[in-house]
Amino acid sequence: MTNPTIDLLLARRSVSANSLGEPGPSTAELELILRAASRVPDHKKLVPWRFLLFQGEARAAFGGVLAEICRTEESDPGAFRLKTEAKRFLRAPLVIAVISRIVKTPGAPEWEQTLSAGACCQNLIVAATALGYGAQWITEWCGYSEGVRKALRLADNERVAGFVYIGTAKEKPDERERPKLAEIVAPWRP
């Protein structure tokens, strides 16, 4: 028995941001990807996440911001590192910052809300893969930087859940070994 959804999930593979190129998703495809990303479990309908899109010239502009933040937050980043940071978001035609947003609500623990944002990241990469694109969900240093938090104008209750890079894979990634179910699955016993 074949099932296209199961087949997609079993074949899905992250594509390194360095191995992504043009073209990226069209406007209609991006809307589908974002709609899929927002169809995650969301206890109490809090929408504890949002998306920031980096496309076109915004990627280079934010790269300049990243380089400047790196210069101020690190003791001696060096010219090569600063050049790398300036080009960080140019690795793919689309970068989506998934912002986790905690809403203080009785009955909806913070952990559940954080997991919901993680599910958004997963749905982004699965939807992009389903449309034939390569994708990678990563945080890197900029996901934890106080300077980047300020540059993204994050509220006190927000943090970066990840940056999802989407584009056309320049090459098919090699398969990697996956955990054996016998090593990670066990029945509960009283």
C-alpha atoms as a PDB file:
ATOM      1  CA  MET A   1       0.000   0.000   0.000  1.00  0.00           C
ATOM      2  CA  THR A   2       1.354   3.413  -0.879  1.00  0.00           C
ATOM      3  CA  ASN A   3       0.278   6.667   0.672  1.00  0.00           C
ATOM      4  CA  PRO A   4       1.696   9.928  -0.713  1.00  0.00           C
ATOM      5  CA  THR A   5       1.752  11.638   2.675  1.00  0.00           C
ATOM      6  CA  ILE A   6       3.579   8.772   4.377  1.00  0.00           C
ATOM      7  CA  ASP A   7       5.930   8.456   1.401  1.00  0.00           C
ATOM      8  CA  LEU A   8       6.762  12.179   1.687  1.00  0.00           C
ATOM      9  CA  LEU A   9       7.379  11.960   5.429  1.00  0.00           C
ATOM     10  CA  LEU A  10       9.600   8.894   5.054  1.00  0.00           C
ATOM     11  CA  ALA A  11      11.638  10.478   2.242  1.00  0.00           C
ATOM     12  CA  ARG A  12      11.885  14.034   3.644  1.00  0.00           C
ATOM     13  CA  ARG A  13      15.456  15.178   4.075  1.00  0.00           C
ATOM     14  CA  SER A  14      16.811  18.558   5.113  1.00  0.00           C
ATOM     15  CA  VAL A  15      18.835  20.310   2.440  1.00  0.00           C
ATOM     16  CA  SER A  16      21.711  22.413   3.779  1.00  0.00           C
ATOM     17  CA  ALA A  17      21.111  26.142   3.410  1.00  0.00           C
ATOM     18  CA  ASN A  18      24.431  26.249   1.532  1.00  0.00           C
ATOM     19  CA  SER A  19      22.955  23.863  -1.066  1.00  0.00           C
ATOM     20  CA  LEU A  20      19.873  25.937  -1.853  1.00  0.00           C
ATOM     21  CA  GLY A  21      19.438  28.287  -4.781  1.00  0.00           C
ATOM     22  CA  GLU A  22      16.900  29.915  -7.057  1.00  0.00           C
ATOM     23  CA  PRO A  23      14.113  29.655  -7.699  1.00  0.00           C
ATOM     24  CA  GLY A  24      12.260  29.948  -4.451  1.00  0.00           C
ATOM     25  CA  PRO A  25       8.544  29.503  -3.977  1.00  0.00           C
ATOM     26  CA  SER A  26       6.169  31.678  -5.977  1.00  0.00           C
ATOM     27  CA  THR A  27       3.767  33.950  -4.124  1.00  0.00           C
ATOM     28  CA  ALA A  28       0.996  31.338  -4.404  1.00  0.00           C
ATOM     29  CA  GLU A  29       3.312  28.542  -3.234  1.00  0.00           C
ATOM     30  CA  LEU A  30       4.518  30.642  -0.301  1.00  0.00           C
ATOM     31  CA  GLU A  31       0.928  31.228   0.741  1.00  0.00           C
ATOM     32  CA  LEU A  32       0.302  27.463   0.681  1.00  0.00           C
ATOM     33  CA  ILE A  33       3.456  26.817   2.717  1.00  0.00           C
ATOM     34  CA  LEU A  34       2.458  29.407   5.328  1.00  0.00           C
ATOM     35  CA  ARG A  35      -1.119  28.117   5.487  1.00  0.00           C
ATOM     36  CA  ALA A  36       0.227  24.602   6.082  1.00  0.00           C
ATOM     37  CA  ALA A  37       2.593  25.936   8.761  1.00  0.00           C
ATOM     38  CA  SER A  38      -0.285  27.545  10.615  1.00  0.00           C
ATOM     39  CA  ARG A  39      -2.293  24.280  10.713  1.00  0.00           C
ATOM     40  CA  VAL A  40      -0.554  22.943  13.810  1.00  0.00           C
ATOM     41  CA  PRO A  41      -1.905  21.930  17.207  1.00  0.00           C
ATOM     42  CA  ASP A  42      -2.689  25.145  19.079  1.00  0.00           C
ATOM     43  CA  HIS A  43      -4.224  24.556  22.512  1.00  0.00           C
ATOM     44  CA  LYS A  44      -6.743  27.294  23.351  1.00  0.00           C
ATOM     45  CA  LYS A  45      -6.332  28.849  19.854  1.00  0.00           C
ATOM     46  CA  LEU A  46      -3.635  31.244  21.105  1.00  0.00           C
ATOM     47  CA  VAL A  47      -1.612  31.383  17.857  1.00  0.00           C
ATOM     48  CA  PRO A  48       1.642  31.346  19.871  1.00  0.00           C
ATOM     49  CA  TRP A  49       3.829  32.026  16.817  1.00  0.00           C
ATOM     50  CA  ARG A  50       4.274  34.343  13.881  1.00  0.00           C
ATOM     51  CA  PHE A  51       6.411  34.493  10.749  1.00  0.00           C
ATOM     52  CA  LEU A  52       8.918  37.059   9.464  1.00  0.00           C
ATOM     53  CA  LEU A  53       9.812  36.721   5.767  1.00  0.00           C
ATOM     54  CA  PHE A  54      13.221  37.567   4.309  1.00  0.00           C
ATOM     55  CA  GLN A  55      13.113  37.714   0.505  1.00  0.00           C
ATOM     56  CA  GLY A  56      14.835  39.672  -2.222  1.00  0.00           C
ATOM     57  CA  GLU A  57      16.883  42.631  -1.043  1.00  0.00           C
ATOM     58  CA  ALA A  58      15.678  42.236   2.551  1.00  0.00           C
ATOM     59  CA  ARG A  59      18.043  39.243   2.870  1.00  0.00           C
ATOM     60  CA  ALA A  60      21.129  41.350   2.101  1.00  0.00           C
ATOM     61  CA  ALA A  61      19.874  44.235   4.245  1.00  0.00           C
ATOM     62  CA  PHE A  62      19.427  41.925   7.219  1.00  0.00           C
ATOM     63  CA  GLY A  63      22.841  40.429   6.491  1.00  0.00           C
ATOM     64  CA  GLY A  64      24.310  43.876   7.103  1.00  0.00           C
ATOM     65  CA  VAL A  65      22.467  43.972  10.406  1.00  0.00           C
ATOM     66  CA  LEU A  66      23.803  40.517  11.327  1.00  0.00           C
ATOM     67  CA  ALA A  67      27.373  41.527  10.505  1.00  0.00           C
ATOM     68  CA  GLU A  68      27.091  44.643  12.659  1.00  0.00           C
ATOM     69  CA  ILE A  69      25.587  42.689  15.561  1.00  0.00           C
ATOM     70  CA  CYS A  70      28.356  40.094  15.248  1.00  0.00           C
ATOM     71  CA  ARG A  71      30.939  42.893  15.323  1.00  0.00           C
ATOM     72  CA  THR A  72      29.475  44.267  18.573  1.00  0.00           C
ATOM     73  CA  GLU A  73      28.722  40.980  20.345  1.00  0.00           C
ATOM     74  CA  GLU A  74      31.977  39.118  19.589  1.00  0.00           C
ATOM     75  CA  SER A  75      35.415  40.217  20.761  1.00  0.00           C
ATOM     76  CA  ASP A  76      37.235  39.863  17.424  1.00  0.00           C
ATOM     77  CA  PRO A  77      35.122  38.247  14.705  1.00  0.00           C
ATOM     78  CA  GLY A  78      37.548  38.971  11.855  1.00  0.00           C
ATOM     79  CA  ALA A  79      36.856  40.058   8.283  1.00  0.00           C
ATOM     80  CA  PHE A  80      35.992  36.576   6.975  1.00  0.00           C
ATOM     81  CA  ARG A  81      33.396  36.012   9.717  1.00  0.00           C
ATOM     82  CA  LEU A  82      31.809  39.426   9.121  1.00  0.00           C
ATOM     83  CA  LYS A  83      31.603  38.743   5.381  1.00  0.00           C
ATOM     84  CA  THR A  84      29.989  35.365   6.143  1.00  0.00           C
ATOM     85  CA  GLU A  85      27.398  37.002   8.384  1.00  0.00           C
ATOM     86  CA  ALA A  86      26.620  39.629   5.758  1.00  0.00           C
ATOM     87  CA  LYS A  87      25.807  36.807   3.310  1.00  0.00           C
ATOM     88  CA  ARG A  88      24.063  34.465   5.790  1.00  0.00           C
ATOM     89  CA  PHE A  89      20.510  35.049   4.533  1.00  0.00           C
ATOM     90  CA  LEU A  90      21.613  35.023   0.881  1.00  0.00           C
ATOM     91  CA  ARG A  91      22.099  31.248   1.025  1.00  0.00           C
ATOM     92  CA  ALA A  92      18.462  30.690  -0.010  1.00  0.00           C
ATOM     93  CA  PRO A  93      15.894  32.763  -1.890  1.00  0.00           C
ATOM     94  CA  LEU A  94      13.553  32.661   1.114  1.00  0.00           C
ATOM     95  CA  VAL A  95      14.244  32.638   4.843  1.00  0.00           C
ATOM     96  CA  ILE A  96      11.340  32.481   7.256  1.00  0.00           C
ATOM     97  CA  ALA A  97      11.946  33.374  10.885  1.00  0.00           C
ATOM     98  CA  VAL A  98       9.466  31.501  13.053  1.00  0.00           C
ATOM     99  CA  ILE A  99       8.847  33.494  16.194  1.00  0.00           C
ATOM    100  CA  SER A 100       7.545  31.648  19.244  1.00  0.00           C
ATOM    101  CA  ARG A 101       5.196  33.867  21.231  1.00  0.00           C
ATOM    102  CA  ILE A 102       4.114  32.840  24.728  1.00  0.00           C
ATOM    103  CA  VAL A 103       0.629  33.947  25.754  1.00  0.00           C
ATOM    104  CA  LYS A 104       0.015  33.723  29.517  1.00  0.00           C
ATOM    105  CA  THR A 105      -3.209  31.737  29.690  1.00  0.00           C
ATOM    106  CA  PRO A 106      -4.481  29.317  32.329  1.00  0.00           C
ATOM    107  CA  GLY A 107      -4.656  25.806  30.945  1.00  0.00           C
ATOM    108  CA  ALA A 108      -2.179  26.370  28.107  1.00  0.00           C
ATOM    109  CA  PRO A 109       1.314  25.724  29.489  1.00  0.00           C
ATOM    110  CA  GLU A 110       4.258  27.609  28.022  1.00  0.00           C
ATOM    111  CA  TRP A 111       5.842  24.308  26.931  1.00  0.00           C
ATOM    112  CA  GLU A 112       2.823  23.448  24.762  1.00  0.00           C
ATOM    113  CA  GLN A 113       3.005  26.845  23.095  1.00  0.00           C
ATOM    114  CA  THR A 114       6.715  26.429  22.403  1.00  0.00           C
ATOM    115  CA  LEU A 115       6.080  22.992  20.908  1.00  0.00           C
ATOM    116  CA  SER A 116       3.379  24.504  18.699  1.00  0.00           C
ATOM    117  CA  ALA A 117       5.966  26.909  17.244  1.00  0.00           C
ATOM    118  CA  GLY A 118       8.281  23.945  16.636  1.00  0.00           C
ATOM    119  CA  ALA A 119       5.445  22.212  14.814  1.00  0.00           C
ATOM    120  CA  CYS A 120       5.152  25.311  12.596  1.00  0.00           C
ATOM    121  CA  CYS A 121       8.821  24.906  11.645  1.00  0.00           C
ATOM    122  CA  GLN A 122       8.273  21.247  10.821  1.00  0.00           C
ATOM    123  CA  ASN A 123       5.182  21.980   8.730  1.00  0.00           C
ATOM    124  CA  LEU A 124       7.119  24.661   6.831  1.00  0.00           C
ATOM    125  CA  ILE A 125       9.802  22.210   5.765  1.00  0.00           C
ATOM    126  CA  VAL A 126       7.335  19.412   4.985  1.00  0.00           C
ATOM    127  CA  ALA A 127       5.136  21.734   2.903  1.00  0.00           C
ATOM    128  CA  ALA A 128       8.152  23.139   1.035  1.00  0.00           C
ATOM    129  CA  THR A 129       9.392  19.602   0.365  1.00  0.00           C
ATOM    130  CA  ALA A 130       5.935  18.562  -0.876  1.00  0.00           C
ATOM    131  CA  LEU A 131       6.115  21.406  -3.417  1.00  0.00           C
ATOM    132  CA  GLY A 132       9.513  20.213  -4.642  1.00  0.00           C
ATOM    133  CA  TYR A 133      11.756  22.640  -2.755  1.00  0.00           C
ATOM    134  CA  GLY A 134      14.624  21.993  -0.419  1.00  0.00           C
ATOM    135  CA  ALA A 135      14.437  23.338   3.116  1.00  0.00           C
ATOM    136  CA  GLN A 136      16.422  23.497   6.324  1.00  0.00           C
ATOM    137  CA  TRP A 137      15.331  24.549   9.825  1.00  0.00           C
ATOM    138  CA  ILE A 138      18.228  25.990  11.818  1.00  0.00           C
ATOM    139  CA  THR A 139      18.851  28.556  14.547  1.00  0.00           C
ATOM    140  CA  GLU A 140      22.607  29.202  14.530  1.00  0.00           C
ATOM    141  CA  TRP A 141      24.036  31.957  16.741  1.00  0.00           C
ATOM    142  CA  CYS A 142      21.555  34.543  15.497  1.00  0.00           C
ATOM    143  CA  GLY A 143      18.645  32.592  16.948  1.00  0.00           C
ATOM    144  CA  TYR A 144      19.992  33.274  20.442  1.00  0.00           C
ATOM    145  CA  SER A 145      21.553  36.727  20.067  1.00  0.00           C
ATOM    146  CA  GLU A 146      20.188  39.608  22.117  1.00  0.00           C
ATOM    147  CA  GLY A 147      21.153  42.018  19.335  1.00  0.00           C
ATOM    148  CA  VAL A 148      19.194  39.980  16.788  1.00  0.00           C
ATOM    149  CA  ARG A 149      16.219  39.906  19.165  1.00  0.00           C
ATOM    150  CA  LYS A 150      16.264  43.706  19.158  1.00  0.00           C
ATOM    151  CA  ALA A 151      16.744  43.913  15.381  1.00  0.00           C
ATOM    152  CA  LEU A 152      13.735  41.647  14.869  1.00  0.00           C
ATOM    153  CA  ARG A 153      11.800  43.776  17.375  1.00  0.00           C
ATOM    154  CA  LEU A 154      10.835  40.769  19.475  1.00  0.00           C
ATOM    155  CA  ALA A 155       8.617  41.382  22.475  1.00  0.00           C
ATOM    156  CA  ASP A 156       9.628  40.089  25.914  1.00  0.00           C
ATOM    157  CA  ASN A 157       7.380  37.038  25.419  1.00  0.00           C
ATOM    158  CA  GLU A 158       8.924  36.141  22.040  1.00  0.00           C
ATOM    159  CA  ARG A 159      11.969  34.218  20.875  1.00  0.00           C
ATOM    160  CA  VAL A 160      13.261  32.723  17.644  1.00  0.00           C
ATOM    161  CA  ALA A 161      12.073  29.129  17.202  1.00  0.00           C
ATOM    162  CA  GLY A 162      14.137  28.849  14.048  1.00  0.00           C
ATOM    163  CA  PHE A 163      15.052  30.179  10.651  1.00  0.00           C
ATOM    164  CA  VAL A 164      13.667  28.058   7.827  1.00  0.00           C
ATOM    165  CA  TYR A 165      15.640  28.384   4.592  1.00  0.00           C
ATOM    166  CA  ILE A 166      13.714  27.419   1.430  1.00  0.00           C
ATOM    167  CA  GLY A 167      14.898  27.184  -2.171  1.00  0.00           C
ATOM    168  CA  THR A 168      15.714  24.782  -4.950  1.00  0.00           C
ATOM    169  CA  ALA A 169      18.178  22.070  -3.987  1.00  0.00           C
ATOM    170  CA  LYS A 170      21.376  22.290  -6.041  1.00  0.00           C
ATOM    171  CA  GLU A 171      21.931  18.574  -5.379  1.00  0.00           C
ATOM    172  CA  LYS A 172      20.034  15.796  -3.671  1.00  0.00           C
ATOM    173  CA  PRO A 173      21.241  15.353  -0.101  1.00  0.00           C
ATOM    174  CA  ASP A 174      22.638  11.999   0.935  1.00  0.00           C
ATOM    175  CA  GLU A 175      20.425   9.871   3.126  1.00  0.00           C
ATOM    176  CA  ARG A 176      21.611   9.597   6.709  1.00  0.00           C
ATOM    177  CA  GLU A 177      21.204   6.830   9.217  1.00  0.00           C
ATOM    178  CA  ARG A 178      18.010   7.036  11.235  1.00  0.00           C
ATOM    179  CA  PRO A 179      17.421   5.600  14.703  1.00  0.00           C
ATOM    180  CA  LYS A 180      16.285   2.017  14.885  1.00  0.00           C
ATOM    181  CA  LEU A 181      12.766   1.838  16.284  1.00  0.00           C
ATOM    182  CA  ALA A 182      13.783  -0.967  18.642  1.00  0.00           C
ATOM    183  CA  GLU A 183      16.180   1.488  20.310  1.00  0.00           C
ATOM    184  CA  ILE A 184      13.674   4.317  20.830  1.00  0.00           C
ATOM    185  CA  VAL A 185      10.294   2.577  21.264  1.00  0.00           C
ATOM    186  CA  ALA A 186       9.155   0.603  24.287  1.00  0.00           C
ATOM    187  CA  PRO A 187       5.776  -0.331  25.680  1.00  0.00           C
ATOM    188  CA  TRP A 188       4.941   1.121  29.062  1.00  0.00           C
ATOM    189  CA  ARG A 189       4.634  -1.494  31.746  1.00  0.00           C
ATOM    190  CA  PRO A 190       3.141  -1.074  35.226  1.00  0.00           C
END
